[in-house]
Amino acid sequence: MALLGAALPAVAQDATGGASGDEAAATEDTAPAEGSTTNDTAEFDLGTPATEEPGPGDAYVRDEFDDWQLRCLVAEEGPDPCQLYQLLRNEDDTPVAEFTAVPLPEGSEAAAGAVVIVPLETQLTERLTVAIDGGQARQYEFDFCNMGGCVARFGLTTDQVNAFKAGSAATVSIVPAAAPDQRVNLNLSLAGFTAAFDYSEEDLADQ
């Protein structure tokens, strides 16, 4: 009984007043080194901007001329084909159509080729009309439709290209299929067209 009474104080000291020898050794092994901290010491990967190089078939903007862009496609071989591009918006600033043009080689039937892509909900029988600075409008047939919209492809004569260069704006008009008695007029800015077209012609001559 006396031995048991002598042992109790020692156990109580281990439980309330300090750690045993084995526990103290373990604490020393796991304690942080002097001057270090356990909070937010890890170095995190914050990421880097993705800089993938465009591959064959990818589109990119090579240059801008006021309201026109020079958009190109990465070619597998040879020079990248480019075209003049402008996005057409309605009065609510909603994108509606796309207008692209490209100079054609000398000796071609037309001085330039143009492509206009409009929404699928367009009344195709009413055709596409283009008028420069409120002048005489010209009408063009639609060629086909796909998931991206309905496409009209047409040529521009030298006189028409010169009219684009001299003008300030053209009006591209379409008729909605849901409202065949109405016409949607889209503004095609001609600011920068001359510089963009001449640049493209020089680029074509160098190829």
N, C-alpha and C. Protein backbone atom coordinates (compact mmCIF):
# COMPACT_ATOMS: atom_id res chain seq x y z
N MET A 1 0.83 -1.20 0.00
CA MET A 1 0.00 0.00 0.00
C MET A 1 0.86 1.24 0.00
N ALA A 2 1.94 1.19 0.79
CA ALA A 2 2.86 2.32 0.82
C ALA A 2 3.51 2.52 -0.51
N LEU A 3 3.83 1.41 -1.22
CA LEU A 3 4.46 1.52 -2.54
C LEU A 3 3.50 2.14 -3.52
N LEU A 4 2.20 1.75 -3.45
CA LEU A 4 1.21 2.31 -4.35
C LEU A 4 1.04 3.80 -4.11
N GLY A 5 1.05 4.20 -2.78
CA GLY A 5 0.93 5.61 -2.47
C GLY A 5 2.11 6.40 -2.96
N ALA A 6 3.28 5.82 -2.96
CA ALA A 6 4.46 6.52 -3.44
C ALA A 6 4.45 6.68 -4.94
N ALA A 7 3.82 5.72 -5.64
CA ALA A 7 3.80 5.78 -7.10
C ALA A 7 2.81 6.79 -7.61
N LEU A 8 1.70 7.03 -6.93
CA LEU A 8 0.65 7.93 -7.41
C LEU A 8 1.14 9.35 -7.68
N PRO A 9 1.92 9.97 -6.76
CA PRO A 9 2.39 11.33 -7.07
C PRO A 9 3.20 11.40 -8.35
N ALA A 10 3.98 10.36 -8.62
CA ALA A 10 4.79 10.38 -9.84
C ALA A 10 3.92 10.33 -11.08
N VAL A 11 2.86 9.51 -11.05
CA VAL A 11 1.94 9.42 -12.19
C VAL A 11 1.20 10.72 -12.39
N ALA A 12 0.77 11.32 -11.25
CA ALA A 12 0.05 12.58 -11.34
C ALA A 12 0.91 13.67 -11.95
N GLN A 13 2.18 13.68 -11.63
CA GLN A 13 3.08 14.68 -12.19
C GLN A 13 3.21 14.50 -13.70
N ASP A 14 3.28 13.24 -14.14
CA ASP A 14 3.38 12.98 -15.58
C ASP A 14 2.12 13.45 -16.30
N ALA A 15 0.96 13.28 -15.63
CA ALA A 15 -0.30 13.60 -16.30
C ALA A 15 -0.61 15.07 -16.30
N THR A 16 -0.17 15.84 -15.28
CA THR A 16 -0.58 17.22 -15.16
C THR A 16 0.55 18.21 -15.19
N GLY A 17 1.72 17.82 -14.84
CA GLY A 17 2.79 18.79 -14.71
C GLY A 17 3.79 18.76 -15.81
N GLY A 18 3.85 17.77 -16.67
CA GLY A 18 4.85 17.73 -17.73
C GLY A 18 4.75 16.46 -18.50
N ALA A 19 5.55 16.35 -19.55
CA ALA A 19 5.52 15.19 -20.40
C ALA A 19 6.51 14.17 -19.91
N SER A 20 6.24 12.93 -20.28
CA SER A 20 7.17 11.87 -19.94
C SER A 20 8.41 12.00 -20.80
N GLY A 21 9.39 11.17 -20.53
CA GLY A 21 10.63 11.26 -21.29
C GLY A 21 10.44 10.97 -22.76
N ASP A 22 9.64 9.93 -23.08
CA ASP A 22 9.40 9.61 -24.50
C ASP A 22 8.63 10.71 -25.20
N GLU A 23 7.61 11.28 -24.52
CA GLU A 23 6.81 12.35 -25.11
C GLU A 23 7.63 13.60 -25.34
N ALA A 24 8.52 13.92 -24.41
CA ALA A 24 9.37 15.09 -24.56
C ALA A 24 10.29 14.95 -25.76
N ALA A 25 10.82 13.73 -25.95
CA ALA A 25 11.70 13.51 -27.10
C ALA A 25 10.93 13.68 -28.40
N ALA A 26 9.68 13.15 -28.41
CA ALA A 26 8.87 13.28 -29.63
C ALA A 26 8.54 14.73 -29.91
N THR A 27 8.28 15.52 -28.85
CA THR A 27 7.97 16.93 -29.04
C THR A 27 9.14 17.68 -29.62
N GLU A 28 10.33 17.35 -29.18
CA GLU A 28 11.52 18.02 -29.70
C GLU A 28 11.72 17.70 -31.17
N ASP A 29 11.38 16.44 -31.56
CA ASP A 29 11.58 16.05 -32.96
C ASP A 29 10.60 16.75 -33.89
N THR A 30 9.37 17.03 -33.41
CA THR A 30 8.34 17.60 -34.29
C THR A 30 8.21 19.09 -34.17
N ALA A 31 8.86 19.74 -33.24
CA ALA A 31 8.74 21.18 -33.06
C ALA A 31 9.39 21.91 -34.22
N PRO A 32 8.81 23.04 -34.70
CA PRO A 32 9.43 23.81 -35.78
C PRO A 32 10.75 24.39 -35.35
N ALA A 33 11.65 24.54 -36.31
CA ALA A 33 12.95 25.12 -36.00
C ALA A 33 12.79 26.56 -35.59
N GLU A 34 13.76 27.03 -34.83
CA GLU A 34 13.71 28.40 -34.34
C GLU A 34 13.71 29.38 -35.50
N GLY A 35 12.81 30.36 -35.46
CA GLY A 35 12.73 31.37 -36.51
C GLY A 35 11.82 31.00 -37.65
N SER A 36 11.27 29.76 -37.62
CA SER A 36 10.36 29.36 -38.70
C SER A 36 8.94 29.50 -38.24
N THR A 37 7.99 29.43 -39.21
CA THR A 37 6.57 29.51 -38.88
C THR A 37 5.83 28.42 -39.61
N THR A 38 4.74 27.98 -39.04
CA THR A 38 3.96 26.90 -39.65
C THR A 38 2.82 27.42 -40.50
N ASN A 39 2.62 28.74 -40.55
CA ASN A 39 1.48 29.32 -41.27
C ASN A 39 1.92 29.86 -42.63
N ASP A 40 1.25 29.37 -43.72
CA ASP A 40 1.45 29.93 -45.08
C ASP A 40 2.91 29.94 -45.50
N THR A 41 3.60 28.85 -45.24
CA THR A 41 5.00 28.80 -45.64
C THR A 41 5.17 28.12 -46.99
N ALA A 42 4.12 27.40 -47.49
CA ALA A 42 4.26 26.69 -48.75
C ALA A 42 4.24 27.67 -49.92
N GLU A 43 5.00 27.38 -50.98
CA GLU A 43 5.01 28.19 -52.19
C GLU A 43 3.98 27.61 -53.15
N PHE A 44 2.96 28.42 -53.50
CA PHE A 44 1.88 27.95 -54.35
C PHE A 44 2.16 28.29 -55.81
N ASP A 45 1.73 27.40 -56.71
CA ASP A 45 1.81 27.65 -58.15
C ASP A 45 0.66 28.57 -58.53
N LEU A 46 0.97 29.81 -58.85
CA LEU A 46 -0.05 30.79 -59.19
C LEU A 46 -0.41 30.79 -60.67
N GLY A 47 0.22 29.91 -61.44
CA GLY A 47 -0.10 29.81 -62.86
C GLY A 47 0.62 30.85 -63.70
N THR A 48 0.68 30.59 -64.98
CA THR A 48 1.28 31.51 -65.94
C THR A 48 0.33 31.68 -67.11
N PRO A 49 0.35 32.83 -67.78
CA PRO A 49 -0.54 33.04 -68.93
C PRO A 49 -0.29 32.02 -70.03
N ALA A 50 -1.36 31.50 -70.60
CA ALA A 50 -1.23 30.55 -71.71
C ALA A 50 -0.81 31.30 -72.96
N THR A 51 0.26 30.86 -73.58
CA THR A 51 0.80 31.54 -74.77
C THR A 51 0.98 30.53 -75.90
N GLU A 52 -0.11 29.86 -76.25
CA GLU A 52 -0.03 28.87 -77.31
C GLU A 52 0.15 29.57 -78.66
N GLU A 53 1.08 29.09 -79.43
CA GLU A 53 1.30 29.63 -80.76
C GLU A 53 0.18 29.14 -81.68
N PRO A 54 -0.37 30.02 -82.54
CA PRO A 54 -1.42 29.57 -83.46
C PRO A 54 -0.89 28.51 -84.42
N GLY A 55 -1.73 27.52 -84.69
CA GLY A 55 -1.35 26.46 -85.60
C GLY A 55 -2.04 26.61 -86.94
N PRO A 56 -1.75 25.73 -87.90
CA PRO A 56 -2.37 25.82 -89.22
C PRO A 56 -3.89 25.86 -89.13
N GLY A 57 -4.48 26.80 -89.85
CA GLY A 57 -5.93 26.96 -89.84
C GLY A 57 -6.45 27.92 -88.80
N ASP A 58 -5.60 28.34 -87.85
CA ASP A 58 -6.04 29.28 -86.81
C ASP A 58 -6.06 30.70 -87.37
N ALA A 59 -7.05 31.48 -86.93
CA ALA A 59 -7.19 32.87 -87.38
C ALA A 59 -6.51 33.81 -86.39
N TYR A 60 -6.00 34.91 -86.91
CA TYR A 60 -5.40 35.94 -86.06
C TYR A 60 -5.53 37.29 -86.76
N VAL A 61 -5.46 38.36 -85.98
CA VAL A 61 -5.53 39.72 -86.52
C VAL A 61 -4.11 40.21 -86.76
N ARG A 62 -3.80 40.43 -88.01
CA ARG A 62 -2.45 40.86 -88.36
C ARG A 62 -2.26 42.36 -88.18
N ASP A 63 -3.30 43.14 -88.50
CA ASP A 63 -3.19 44.59 -88.40
C ASP A 63 -4.60 45.18 -88.35
N GLU A 64 -4.69 46.44 -87.96
CA GLU A 64 -5.96 47.16 -87.93
C GLU A 64 -5.81 48.50 -88.62
N PHE A 65 -6.84 48.87 -89.38
CA PHE A 65 -6.87 50.14 -90.10
C PHE A 65 -8.20 50.82 -89.79
N ASP A 66 -8.21 51.68 -88.80
CA ASP A 66 -9.45 52.32 -88.35
C ASP A 66 -10.52 51.27 -88.03
N ASP A 67 -11.60 51.22 -88.84
CA ASP A 67 -12.69 50.30 -88.54
C ASP A 67 -12.55 48.94 -89.23
N TRP A 68 -11.40 48.72 -89.87
CA TRP A 68 -11.18 47.46 -90.57
C TRP A 68 -10.03 46.69 -89.92
N GLN A 69 -10.19 45.38 -89.91
CA GLN A 69 -9.11 44.49 -89.46
C GLN A 69 -8.57 43.71 -90.65
N LEU A 70 -7.30 43.38 -90.58
CA LEU A 70 -6.71 42.48 -91.55
C LEU A 70 -6.56 41.13 -90.85
N ARG A 71 -7.48 40.22 -91.16
CA ARG A 71 -7.50 38.91 -90.52
C ARG A 71 -6.85 37.87 -91.42
N CYS A 72 -6.05 37.02 -90.81
CA CYS A 72 -5.30 36.03 -91.57
C CYS A 72 -5.50 34.64 -90.97
N LEU A 73 -5.19 33.63 -91.78
CA LEU A 73 -5.19 32.24 -91.34
C LEU A 73 -3.77 31.70 -91.44
N VAL A 74 -3.37 30.94 -90.44
CA VAL A 74 -2.04 30.34 -90.45
C VAL A 74 -2.03 29.24 -91.51
N ALA A 75 -1.15 29.37 -92.48
CA ALA A 75 -1.05 28.38 -93.55
C ALA A 75 -0.02 27.31 -93.18
N GLU A 76 -0.26 26.09 -93.66
CA GLU A 76 0.72 25.02 -93.42
C GLU A 76 2.01 25.31 -94.16
N GLU A 77 1.88 25.88 -95.36
CA GLU A 77 3.05 26.24 -96.16
C GLU A 77 2.77 27.56 -96.87
N GLY A 78 3.80 28.33 -97.11
CA GLY A 78 3.65 29.57 -97.84
C GLY A 78 3.07 30.69 -97.00
N PRO A 79 2.78 31.83 -97.63
CA PRO A 79 2.25 32.99 -96.90
C PRO A 79 0.84 32.74 -96.37
N ASP A 80 0.52 33.39 -95.28
CA ASP A 80 -0.82 33.27 -94.69
C ASP A 80 -1.83 34.07 -95.50
N PRO A 81 -2.94 33.48 -95.92
CA PRO A 81 -3.98 34.23 -96.64
C PRO A 81 -4.68 35.20 -95.68
N CYS A 82 -4.92 36.42 -96.16
CA CYS A 82 -5.53 37.46 -95.32
C CYS A 82 -6.72 38.09 -96.04
N GLN A 83 -7.59 38.72 -95.28
CA GLN A 83 -8.75 39.41 -95.85
C GLN A 83 -9.13 40.58 -94.96
N LEU A 84 -9.76 41.59 -95.55
CA LEU A 84 -10.29 42.72 -94.79
C LEU A 84 -11.56 42.27 -94.09
N TYR A 85 -11.75 42.72 -92.87
CA TYR A 85 -12.88 42.23 -92.07
C TYR A 85 -13.49 43.36 -91.26
N GLN A 86 -14.84 43.35 -91.20
CA GLN A 86 -15.55 44.26 -90.31
C GLN A 86 -16.82 43.58 -89.79
N LEU A 87 -17.06 43.71 -88.50
CA LEU A 87 -18.27 43.20 -87.87
C LEU A 87 -19.35 44.28 -87.91
N LEU A 88 -20.52 43.94 -88.44
CA LEU A 88 -21.61 44.90 -88.58
C LEU A 88 -22.59 44.74 -87.43
N ARG A 89 -22.97 45.86 -86.83
CA ARG A 89 -23.89 45.87 -85.69
C ARG A 89 -25.15 46.66 -86.03
N ASN A 90 -26.23 46.34 -85.33
CA ASN A 90 -27.47 47.10 -85.53
C ASN A 90 -27.50 48.32 -84.62
N GLU A 91 -28.65 48.98 -84.56
CA GLU A 91 -28.75 50.21 -83.78
C GLU A 91 -28.58 49.97 -82.28
N ASP A 92 -28.81 48.72 -81.84
CA ASP A 92 -28.64 48.38 -80.42
C ASP A 92 -27.22 47.91 -80.12
N ASP A 93 -26.33 48.04 -81.11
CA ASP A 93 -24.93 47.62 -80.98
C ASP A 93 -24.80 46.10 -80.86
N THR A 94 -25.79 45.38 -81.37
CA THR A 94 -25.74 43.92 -81.37
C THR A 94 -25.09 43.43 -82.66
N PRO A 95 -24.10 42.54 -82.60
CA PRO A 95 -23.49 42.01 -83.82
C PRO A 95 -24.52 41.27 -84.67
N VAL A 96 -24.58 41.60 -85.96
CA VAL A 96 -25.58 41.02 -86.84
C VAL A 96 -24.94 40.31 -88.03
N ALA A 97 -23.96 40.94 -88.66
CA ALA A 97 -23.40 40.39 -89.89
C ALA A 97 -21.89 40.63 -89.93
N GLU A 98 -21.25 39.93 -90.87
CA GLU A 98 -19.81 40.09 -91.09
C GLU A 98 -19.56 40.41 -92.56
N PHE A 99 -18.65 41.33 -92.80
CA PHE A 99 -18.30 41.73 -94.16
C PHE A 99 -16.80 41.52 -94.34
N THR A 100 -16.43 40.76 -95.35
CA THR A 100 -15.01 40.55 -95.66
C THR A 100 -14.77 40.86 -97.13
N ALA A 101 -13.58 41.33 -97.42
CA ALA A 101 -13.19 41.64 -98.80
C ALA A 101 -11.72 41.30 -98.98
N VAL A 102 -11.36 40.97 -100.20
CA VAL A 102 -9.97 40.63 -100.50
C VAL A 102 -9.67 41.06 -101.93
N PRO A 103 -8.53 41.71 -102.16
CA PRO A 103 -8.16 42.05 -103.54
C PRO A 103 -7.84 40.80 -104.34
N LEU A 104 -8.18 40.81 -105.61
CA LEU A 104 -7.93 39.66 -106.48
C LEU A 104 -6.76 39.96 -107.41
N PRO A 105 -6.07 38.93 -107.87
CA PRO A 105 -4.92 39.14 -108.76
C PRO A 105 -5.31 39.85 -110.05
N GLU A 106 -4.36 40.53 -110.64
CA GLU A 106 -4.61 41.20 -111.92
C GLU A 106 -5.05 40.18 -112.97
N GLY A 107 -5.97 40.60 -113.80
CA GLY A 107 -6.50 39.70 -114.82
C GLY A 107 -7.76 38.97 -114.38
N SER A 108 -8.14 39.13 -113.11
CA SER A 108 -9.36 38.50 -112.63
C SER A 108 -10.58 39.25 -113.15
N GLU A 109 -11.73 38.59 -113.15
CA GLU A 109 -12.95 39.22 -113.64
C GLU A 109 -13.35 40.41 -112.78
N ALA A 110 -13.04 40.36 -111.49
CA ALA A 110 -13.36 41.45 -110.56
C ALA A 110 -12.07 41.93 -109.90
N ALA A 111 -12.12 43.17 -109.39
CA ALA A 111 -10.95 43.71 -108.71
C ALA A 111 -10.83 43.19 -107.29
N ALA A 112 -11.97 42.81 -106.71
CA ALA A 112 -11.98 42.31 -105.34
C ALA A 112 -13.14 41.34 -105.18
N GLY A 113 -13.00 40.46 -104.22
CA GLY A 113 -14.08 39.55 -103.86
C GLY A 113 -14.60 39.92 -102.49
N ALA A 114 -15.90 39.82 -102.30
CA ALA A 114 -16.51 40.16 -101.02
C ALA A 114 -17.41 39.01 -100.56
N VAL A 115 -17.47 38.85 -99.25
CA VAL A 115 -18.33 37.84 -98.63
C VAL A 115 -19.07 38.50 -97.47
N VAL A 116 -20.38 38.32 -97.43
CA VAL A 116 -21.20 38.84 -96.33
C VAL A 116 -21.93 37.67 -95.70
N ILE A 117 -21.82 37.53 -94.39
CA ILE A 117 -22.50 36.48 -93.64
C ILE A 117 -23.57 37.12 -92.77
N VAL A 118 -24.81 36.67 -92.93
CA VAL A 118 -25.95 37.24 -92.21
C VAL A 118 -26.62 36.13 -91.40
N PRO A 119 -27.55 36.47 -90.48
CA PRO A 119 -28.21 35.45 -89.67
C PRO A 119 -29.04 34.47 -90.50
N LEU A 120 -29.26 33.29 -89.93
CA LEU A 120 -30.07 32.28 -90.60
C LEU A 120 -31.51 32.73 -90.80
N GLU A 121 -31.99 33.60 -89.92
CA GLU A 121 -33.38 34.07 -89.99
C GLU A 121 -33.55 35.19 -91.00
N THR A 122 -32.83 35.14 -92.11
CA THR A 122 -32.91 36.18 -93.14
C THR A 122 -33.78 35.70 -94.30
N GLN A 123 -34.59 36.59 -94.83
CA GLN A 123 -35.42 36.27 -96.00
C GLN A 123 -34.52 36.28 -97.24
N LEU A 124 -34.12 35.10 -97.68
CA LEU A 124 -33.11 35.01 -98.73
C LEU A 124 -33.62 35.49 -100.09
N THR A 125 -34.91 35.37 -100.34
CA THR A 125 -35.44 35.78 -101.64
C THR A 125 -35.38 37.29 -101.84
N GLU A 126 -35.25 38.03 -100.75
CA GLU A 126 -35.18 39.49 -100.85
C GLU A 126 -33.77 39.98 -101.19
N ARG A 127 -32.82 39.09 -101.16
CA ARG A 127 -31.43 39.37 -101.52
C ARG A 127 -30.78 40.41 -100.61
N LEU A 128 -29.50 40.52 -100.76
CA LEU A 128 -28.69 41.47 -99.98
C LEU A 128 -28.49 42.74 -100.81
N THR A 129 -28.59 43.90 -100.19
CA THR A 129 -28.34 45.14 -100.91
C THR A 129 -27.22 45.92 -100.23
N VAL A 130 -26.42 46.58 -101.06
CA VAL A 130 -25.31 47.40 -100.57
C VAL A 130 -25.36 48.74 -101.29
N ALA A 131 -25.35 49.83 -100.53
CA ALA A 131 -25.36 51.18 -101.09
C ALA A 131 -24.28 52.00 -100.40
N ILE A 132 -23.53 52.78 -101.18
CA ILE A 132 -22.45 53.61 -100.64
C ILE A 132 -22.92 55.05 -100.53
N ASP A 133 -22.83 55.59 -99.34
CA ASP A 133 -23.19 57.00 -99.08
C ASP A 133 -24.57 57.36 -99.64
N GLY A 134 -25.52 56.46 -99.50
CA GLY A 134 -26.88 56.74 -99.95
C GLY A 134 -27.08 56.70 -101.44
N GLY A 135 -26.09 56.21 -102.19
CA GLY A 135 -26.20 56.16 -103.64
C GLY A 135 -27.01 54.96 -104.12
N GLN A 136 -26.86 54.65 -105.41
CA GLN A 136 -27.59 53.55 -106.01
C GLN A 136 -27.21 52.23 -105.35
N ALA A 137 -28.21 51.50 -104.87
CA ALA A 137 -27.96 50.22 -104.21
C ALA A 137 -27.79 49.11 -105.24
N ARG A 138 -26.97 48.15 -104.91
CA ARG A 138 -26.79 46.96 -105.74
C ARG A 138 -27.24 45.75 -104.94
N GLN A 139 -27.89 44.81 -105.64
CA GLN A 139 -28.41 43.62 -104.98
C GLN A 139 -27.58 42.39 -105.33
N TYR A 140 -27.47 41.50 -104.34
CA TYR A 140 -26.67 40.28 -104.52
C TYR A 140 -27.44 39.08 -103.97
N GLU A 141 -27.34 37.97 -104.70
CA GLU A 141 -28.00 36.74 -104.28
C GLU A 141 -27.22 36.08 -103.14
N PHE A 142 -27.96 35.33 -102.32
CA PHE A 142 -27.32 34.50 -101.30
C PHE A 142 -26.94 33.17 -101.93
N ASP A 143 -25.76 32.67 -101.57
CA ASP A 143 -25.27 31.43 -102.17
C ASP A 143 -25.68 30.18 -101.39
N PHE A 144 -25.54 30.23 -100.08
CA PHE A 144 -25.85 29.04 -99.28
C PHE A 144 -25.95 29.46 -97.81
N CYS A 145 -26.42 28.53 -96.99
CA CYS A 145 -26.48 28.73 -95.54
C CYS A 145 -25.83 27.54 -94.85
N ASN A 146 -25.22 27.79 -93.72
CA ASN A 146 -24.68 26.73 -92.88
C ASN A 146 -24.94 27.10 -91.43
N MET A 147 -24.31 26.40 -90.50
CA MET A 147 -24.54 26.67 -89.09
C MET A 147 -24.13 28.08 -88.70
N GLY A 148 -23.19 28.67 -89.44
CA GLY A 148 -22.70 30.00 -89.11
C GLY A 148 -23.56 31.13 -89.64
N GLY A 149 -24.49 30.83 -90.56
CA GLY A 149 -25.33 31.87 -91.13
C GLY A 149 -25.52 31.66 -92.62
N CYS A 150 -26.08 32.65 -93.29
CA CYS A 150 -26.29 32.61 -94.73
C CYS A 150 -25.26 33.51 -95.42
N VAL A 151 -24.74 33.04 -96.53
CA VAL A 151 -23.57 33.66 -97.16
C VAL A 151 -23.91 34.20 -98.54
N ALA A 152 -23.50 35.44 -98.77
CA ALA A 152 -23.57 36.05 -100.10
C ALA A 152 -22.14 36.35 -100.55
N ARG A 153 -21.78 35.84 -101.72
CA ARG A 153 -20.45 36.07 -102.28
C ARG A 153 -20.60 36.82 -103.60
N PHE A 154 -19.80 37.87 -103.77
CA PHE A 154 -19.92 38.66 -105.00
C PHE A 154 -18.60 39.37 -105.28
N GLY A 155 -18.48 39.84 -106.52
CA GLY A 155 -17.28 40.55 -106.93
C GLY A 155 -17.50 42.06 -106.93
N LEU A 156 -16.42 42.78 -106.78
CA LEU A 156 -16.43 44.24 -106.85
C LEU A 156 -15.55 44.68 -108.02
N THR A 157 -16.11 45.51 -108.89
CA THR A 157 -15.33 46.02 -110.01
C THR A 157 -14.34 47.08 -109.50
N THR A 158 -13.45 47.50 -110.38
CA THR A 158 -12.51 48.55 -110.01
C THR A 158 -13.24 49.82 -109.62
N ASP A 159 -14.29 50.17 -110.37
CA ASP A 159 -15.07 51.37 -110.03
C ASP A 159 -15.73 51.23 -108.66
N GLN A 160 -16.22 50.05 -108.35
CA GLN A 160 -16.85 49.85 -107.05
C GLN A 160 -15.83 49.92 -105.91
N VAL A 161 -14.66 49.35 -106.14
CA VAL A 161 -13.60 49.44 -105.13
C VAL A 161 -13.22 50.90 -104.91
N ASN A 162 -13.11 51.66 -106.00
CA ASN A 162 -12.78 53.08 -105.87
C ASN A 162 -13.89 53.84 -105.13
N ALA A 163 -15.14 53.43 -105.34
CA ALA A 163 -16.25 54.06 -104.62
C ALA A 163 -16.16 53.75 -103.12
N PHE A 164 -15.76 52.53 -102.79
CA PHE A 164 -15.54 52.18 -101.38
C PHE A 164 -14.44 53.04 -100.79
N LYS A 165 -13.37 53.24 -101.55
CA LYS A 165 -12.25 54.05 -101.05
C LYS A 165 -12.65 55.51 -100.86
N ALA A 166 -13.48 56.03 -101.76
CA ALA A 166 -13.86 57.44 -101.69
C ALA A 166 -15.00 57.70 -100.72
N GLY A 167 -15.74 56.67 -100.36
CA GLY A 167 -16.92 56.86 -99.52
C GLY A 167 -16.59 56.93 -98.04
N SER A 168 -17.59 57.32 -97.28
CA SER A 168 -17.43 57.38 -95.82
C SER A 168 -18.15 56.22 -95.14
N ALA A 169 -19.23 55.72 -95.74
CA ALA A 169 -19.96 54.60 -95.15
C ALA A 169 -20.84 53.96 -96.21
N ALA A 170 -21.09 52.68 -96.03
CA ALA A 170 -22.02 51.95 -96.89
C ALA A 170 -23.14 51.39 -96.01
N THR A 171 -24.27 51.15 -96.63
CA THR A 171 -25.41 50.55 -95.93
C THR A 171 -25.65 49.16 -96.48
N VAL A 172 -25.56 48.17 -95.61
CA VAL A 172 -25.85 46.78 -95.98
C VAL A 172 -27.23 46.44 -95.44
N SER A 173 -28.15 46.04 -96.32
CA SER A 173 -29.54 45.82 -95.93
C SER A 173 -29.95 44.37 -96.13
N ILE A 174 -30.70 43.86 -95.15
CA ILE A 174 -31.28 42.53 -95.24
C ILE A 174 -32.73 42.60 -94.75
N VAL A 175 -33.50 41.57 -95.08
CA VAL A 175 -34.91 41.50 -94.67
C VAL A 175 -35.08 40.30 -93.74
N PRO A 176 -35.59 40.50 -92.53
CA PRO A 176 -35.80 39.37 -91.61
C PRO A 176 -36.93 38.47 -92.11
N ALA A 177 -36.74 37.16 -91.97
CA ALA A 177 -37.79 36.22 -92.38
C ALA A 177 -39.03 36.38 -91.52
N ALA A 178 -38.86 36.76 -90.26
CA ALA A 178 -40.01 36.92 -89.36
C ALA A 178 -40.78 38.20 -89.62
N ALA A 179 -40.17 39.14 -90.35
CA ALA A 179 -40.83 40.42 -90.65
C ALA A 179 -40.48 40.81 -92.08
N PRO A 180 -41.04 40.11 -93.07
CA PRO A 180 -40.67 40.34 -94.47
C PRO A 180 -41.05 41.71 -95.00
N ASP A 181 -41.85 42.47 -94.25
CA ASP A 181 -42.22 43.81 -94.68
C ASP A 181 -41.27 44.87 -94.12
N GLN A 182 -40.24 44.44 -93.42
CA GLN A 182 -39.28 45.37 -92.84
C GLN A 182 -37.89 45.10 -93.40
N ARG A 183 -37.04 46.10 -93.27
CA ARG A 183 -35.66 45.97 -93.75
C ARG A 183 -34.71 46.43 -92.64
N VAL A 184 -33.68 45.63 -92.40
CA VAL A 184 -32.67 45.97 -91.40
C VAL A 184 -31.48 46.58 -92.12
N ASN A 185 -31.15 47.81 -91.78
CA ASN A 185 -30.03 48.52 -92.39
C ASN A 185 -28.84 48.52 -91.43
N LEU A 186 -27.72 48.01 -91.91
CA LEU A 186 -26.50 47.92 -91.11
C LEU A 186 -25.45 48.85 -91.67
N ASN A 187 -24.80 49.59 -90.80
CA ASN A 187 -23.77 50.54 -91.23
C ASN A 187 -22.43 49.83 -91.43
N LEU A 188 -21.86 50.03 -92.60
CA LEU A 188 -20.52 49.52 -92.91
C LEU A 188 -19.59 50.71 -93.03
N SER A 189 -18.77 50.92 -92.01
CA SER A 189 -17.85 52.06 -92.05
C SER A 189 -16.77 51.81 -93.09
N LEU A 190 -16.45 52.86 -93.83
CA LEU A 190 -15.38 52.78 -94.83
C LEU A 190 -14.11 53.47 -94.36
N ALA A 191 -14.08 53.89 -93.10
CA ALA A 191 -12.87 54.49 -92.53
C ALA A 191 -11.78 53.43 -92.44
N GLY A 192 -10.69 53.68 -93.10
CA GLY A 192 -9.58 52.74 -93.10
C GLY A 192 -9.60 51.74 -94.24
N PHE A 193 -10.68 51.75 -95.05
CA PHE A 193 -10.76 50.77 -96.14
C PHE A 193 -9.64 50.96 -97.15
N THR A 194 -9.37 52.20 -97.52
CA THR A 194 -8.32 52.47 -98.52
C THR A 194 -6.97 51.93 -98.06
N ALA A 195 -6.58 52.26 -96.83
CA ALA A 195 -5.29 51.81 -96.31
C ALA A 195 -5.24 50.29 -96.22
N ALA A 196 -6.32 49.69 -95.76
CA ALA A 196 -6.35 48.23 -95.61
C ALA A 196 -6.29 47.54 -96.97
N PHE A 197 -7.05 48.07 -97.95
CA PHE A 197 -7.07 47.44 -99.27
C PHE A 197 -5.72 47.59 -99.97
N ASP A 198 -5.15 48.80 -99.92
CA ASP A 198 -3.85 49.01 -100.56
C ASP A 198 -2.77 48.15 -99.92
N TYR A 199 -2.82 48.01 -98.61
CA TYR A 199 -1.85 47.16 -97.91
C TYR A 199 -2.00 45.71 -98.38
N SER A 200 -3.24 45.26 -98.52
CA SER A 200 -3.49 43.89 -98.97
C SER A 200 -3.04 43.69 -100.41
N GLU A 201 -3.25 44.71 -101.25
CA GLU A 201 -2.79 44.60 -102.64
C GLU A 201 -1.28 44.48 -102.72
N GLU A 202 -0.57 45.28 -101.94
CA GLU A 202 0.89 45.19 -101.92
C GLU A 202 1.35 43.83 -101.41
N ASP A 203 0.65 43.34 -100.40
CA ASP A 203 0.98 42.03 -99.85
C ASP A 203 0.75 40.94 -100.88
N LEU A 204 -0.33 41.08 -101.66
CA LEU A 204 -0.63 40.10 -102.71
C LEU A 204 0.42 40.14 -103.81
N ALA A 205 0.89 41.35 -104.16
CA ALA A 205 1.90 41.48 -105.21
C ALA A 205 3.23 40.87 -104.80
N ASP A 206 3.51 40.86 -103.50
CA ASP A 206 4.78 40.31 -103.02
C ASP A 206 4.78 38.80 -102.93
N GLN A 207 3.61 38.19 -103.06
CA GLN A 207 3.54 36.73 -102.93
C GLN A 207 3.94 36.02 -104.22
